[in-house]
Structures are given as structure tokens and as C-alpha cells.
């Protein structure tokens, strides 16, 4: 059911500052987007077929702002691509896996996303993502 690692999300306080490292290393951002549903501004950097997603909060109410306040900058989540997010959520729910999102919601790149609680994934906040609408 997991097709590939879609991206690794990194929480940052300042997107422009965070991008400097990647620019020096020859890997610039190829996509910028504001995701109002998540209250973040994101930049995607493709590294060997896997995206690094830098997430900067646009509001103090953003989950990323709360994460930064609690834990500081760093890896926030790993996202896996699935063919059908609703099927994946149903299967996880049936197995008693704790979900943060019971229903998919809009993410960057027009994806449908949902988060799985870290307590069910060895302490790792896990995002499921699906391209388009299913």
C-alpha cells in the first residue's frame, strides 16, 4: 500500500534562511506554496527523487508554530504516498492504529493528506498523501 516516500517535512522558523543551505549545496527549491488549511508556507527541494518540504508557519495557530515552540526546528514528519488515502485510513482504523485525521484534507500540490499519530508509528509523525481526488 505504501508506494514511496513522498517527502520529509522539516519545520523551520524562516523559509528564506533555511533555503540557504540547499542553495549552497546546489539544490534549490522547485516549488513554493501557501497551504491555508495547514497555515504554512512551504518550499519543496527535490533530492534524488525524494522531496524535502520546508514548512514555515503563517500563523501562531499553525500546527508547525506549535511544534516549533515545543521542539524547535527539525524533522517534523515523513510522508508516504498511497494509491487511495481513504482505503489506507480505513485499513489503519480497522487495525486500531491511532489517527490524527479521520478524513483526508487538502495539502500542497493538490494532494489529499492525513496524519497518523506518532504513538502508532514508533514516535514518528507520519503523513499519508494521495495525488488528486479519489
Protein backbone atom coordinates (compact mmCIF):
# COMPACT_ATOMS: atom_id res chain seq x y z
CA UNK A 1 0.00 0.00 0.00
CA UNK A 2 2.92 2.43 0.63
CA UNK A 3 4.14 3.41 -2.82
CA UNK A 4 7.13 5.58 -1.94
CA UNK A 5 8.46 8.21 0.43
CA UNK A 6 6.74 11.32 -0.86
CA UNK A 7 8.62 13.84 1.28
CA UNK A 8 10.32 14.58 4.55
CA UNK A 9 8.84 17.60 6.31
CA UNK A 10 11.17 19.94 8.19
CA UNK A 11 9.77 22.66 10.46
CA UNK A 12 11.61 25.99 10.08
CA UNK A 13 11.14 29.43 11.55
CA UNK A 14 12.28 31.26 8.40
CA UNK A 15 11.92 29.68 4.97
CA UNK A 16 14.38 32.02 3.26
CA UNK A 17 17.09 31.34 5.85
CA UNK A 18 16.50 27.59 5.68
CA UNK A 19 16.85 27.61 1.88
CA UNK A 20 20.40 28.99 2.05
CA UNK A 21 21.93 25.59 2.91
CA UNK A 22 20.20 23.89 -0.02
CA UNK A 23 21.24 26.67 -2.42
CA UNK A 24 24.88 26.38 -1.39
CA UNK A 25 24.64 22.61 -1.95
CA UNK A 26 23.21 23.13 -5.45
CA UNK A 27 19.64 22.04 -4.66
CA UNK A 28 17.25 24.96 -4.95
CA UNK A 29 13.54 24.89 -4.26
CA UNK A 30 11.45 23.99 -7.28
CA UNK A 31 8.03 24.69 -5.78
CA UNK A 32 6.67 27.25 -3.29
CA UNK A 33 3.14 27.26 -1.98
CA UNK A 34 1.00 28.56 0.84
CA UNK A 35 -1.30 25.92 2.32
CA UNK A 36 -4.07 27.82 4.14
CA UNK A 37 -5.61 24.65 5.62
CA UNK A 38 -2.33 23.96 7.44
CA UNK A 39 -1.41 27.64 8.00
CA UNK A 40 2.03 27.17 6.45
CA UNK A 41 4.18 28.37 3.60
CA UNK A 42 6.21 25.54 2.06
CA UNK A 43 9.15 25.07 -0.25
CA UNK A 44 9.97 21.75 -1.91
CA UNK A 45 13.51 20.71 -2.77
CA UNK A 46 13.95 17.51 -4.78
CA UNK A 47 16.93 15.47 -3.67
CA UNK A 48 17.42 12.21 -5.57
CA UNK A 49 13.70 11.74 -6.22
CA UNK A 50 12.59 12.49 -2.65
CA UNK A 51 11.24 15.91 -1.74
CA UNK A 52 12.35 17.84 1.30
CA UNK A 53 9.43 20.00 2.40
CA UNK A 54 10.40 23.05 4.43
CA UNK A 55 7.43 24.29 6.47
CA UNK A 56 7.21 27.84 7.83
CA UNK A 57 4.14 28.80 9.90
CA UNK A 58 1.99 31.66 8.67
CA UNK A 59 0.05 31.91 11.93
CA UNK A 60 0.68 31.32 15.61
CA UNK A 61 -2.24 28.86 15.39
CA UNK A 62 -0.41 26.70 12.86
CA UNK A 63 0.49 23.17 13.97
CA UNK A 64 4.02 23.99 12.79
CA UNK A 65 4.18 27.10 15.01
CA UNK A 66 3.16 24.96 17.97
CA UNK A 67 5.75 22.32 17.04
CA UNK A 68 8.50 24.97 16.77
CA UNK A 69 7.54 26.41 20.15
CA UNK A 70 7.66 22.98 21.78
CA UNK A 71 10.55 21.25 19.99
CA UNK A 72 12.37 23.79 17.82
CA UNK A 73 13.39 23.41 14.21
CA UNK A 74 13.92 19.96 12.76
CA UNK A 75 12.31 16.95 11.16
CA UNK A 76 8.58 17.19 11.65
CA UNK A 77 7.19 14.24 9.66
CA UNK A 78 7.71 11.65 6.97
CA UNK A 79 5.10 11.40 4.23
CA UNK A 80 4.32 8.24 2.31
CA UNK A 81 2.41 8.16 -0.97
CA UNK A 82 -0.56 5.80 -1.05
CA UNK A 83 -2.79 4.94 -4.03
CA UNK A 84 -6.05 5.60 -2.15
CA UNK A 85 -5.93 7.56 1.08
CA UNK A 86 -9.47 6.59 2.16
CA UNK A 87 -8.65 2.89 1.80
CA UNK A 88 -5.44 3.40 3.79
CA UNK A 89 -7.26 5.24 6.58
CA UNK A 90 -9.99 2.58 6.71
CA UNK A 91 -7.39 -0.19 6.96
CA UNK A 92 -5.44 1.60 9.71
CA UNK A 93 -8.62 2.38 11.65
CA UNK A 94 -9.72 -1.28 11.41
CA UNK A 95 -6.37 -2.35 12.88
CA UNK A 96 -6.67 0.06 15.80
CA UNK A 97 -3.99 2.45 14.57
CA UNK A 98 -4.45 5.89 16.14
CA UNK A 99 -5.16 8.60 13.55
CA UNK A 100 -4.86 12.34 13.91
CA UNK A 101 -7.00 12.90 10.82
CA UNK A 102 -10.05 10.69 10.37
CA UNK A 103 -10.70 12.21 6.95
CA UNK A 104 -8.32 13.44 4.23
CA UNK A 105 -7.72 17.16 3.92
CA UNK A 106 -6.08 19.37 1.28
CA UNK A 107 -2.29 19.59 1.24
CA UNK A 108 0.37 21.10 -1.03
CA UNK A 109 0.49 20.16 -4.73
CA UNK A 110 -3.28 19.47 -4.67
CA UNK A 111 -2.65 16.31 -2.64
CA UNK A 112 -5.08 14.77 -0.20
CA UNK A 113 -3.32 14.17 3.13
CA UNK A 114 -3.95 12.69 6.55
CA UNK A 115 -1.72 12.26 9.59
CA UNK A 116 -1.21 9.13 11.65
CA UNK A 117 -0.46 9.64 15.35
CA UNK A 118 3.22 9.18 16.25
CA UNK A 119 2.28 6.84 19.11
CA UNK A 120 1.19 4.33 16.47
CA UNK A 121 4.30 4.73 14.30
CA UNK A 122 7.23 4.35 16.69
CA UNK A 123 7.25 8.03 17.65
CA UNK A 124 7.30 9.34 14.06
CA UNK A 125 4.57 11.72 12.90
CA UNK A 126 3.50 10.10 9.64
CA UNK A 127 1.61 11.68 6.78
CA UNK A 128 -0.21 9.72 4.11
CA UNK A 129 -0.60 11.50 0.80
CA UNK A 130 -2.52 10.80 -2.37
CA UNK A 131 -2.35 12.63 -5.66
CA UNK A 132 -5.63 14.04 -6.98
CA UNK A 133 -9.12 13.16 -5.73
CA UNK A 134 -10.29 9.62 -5.02
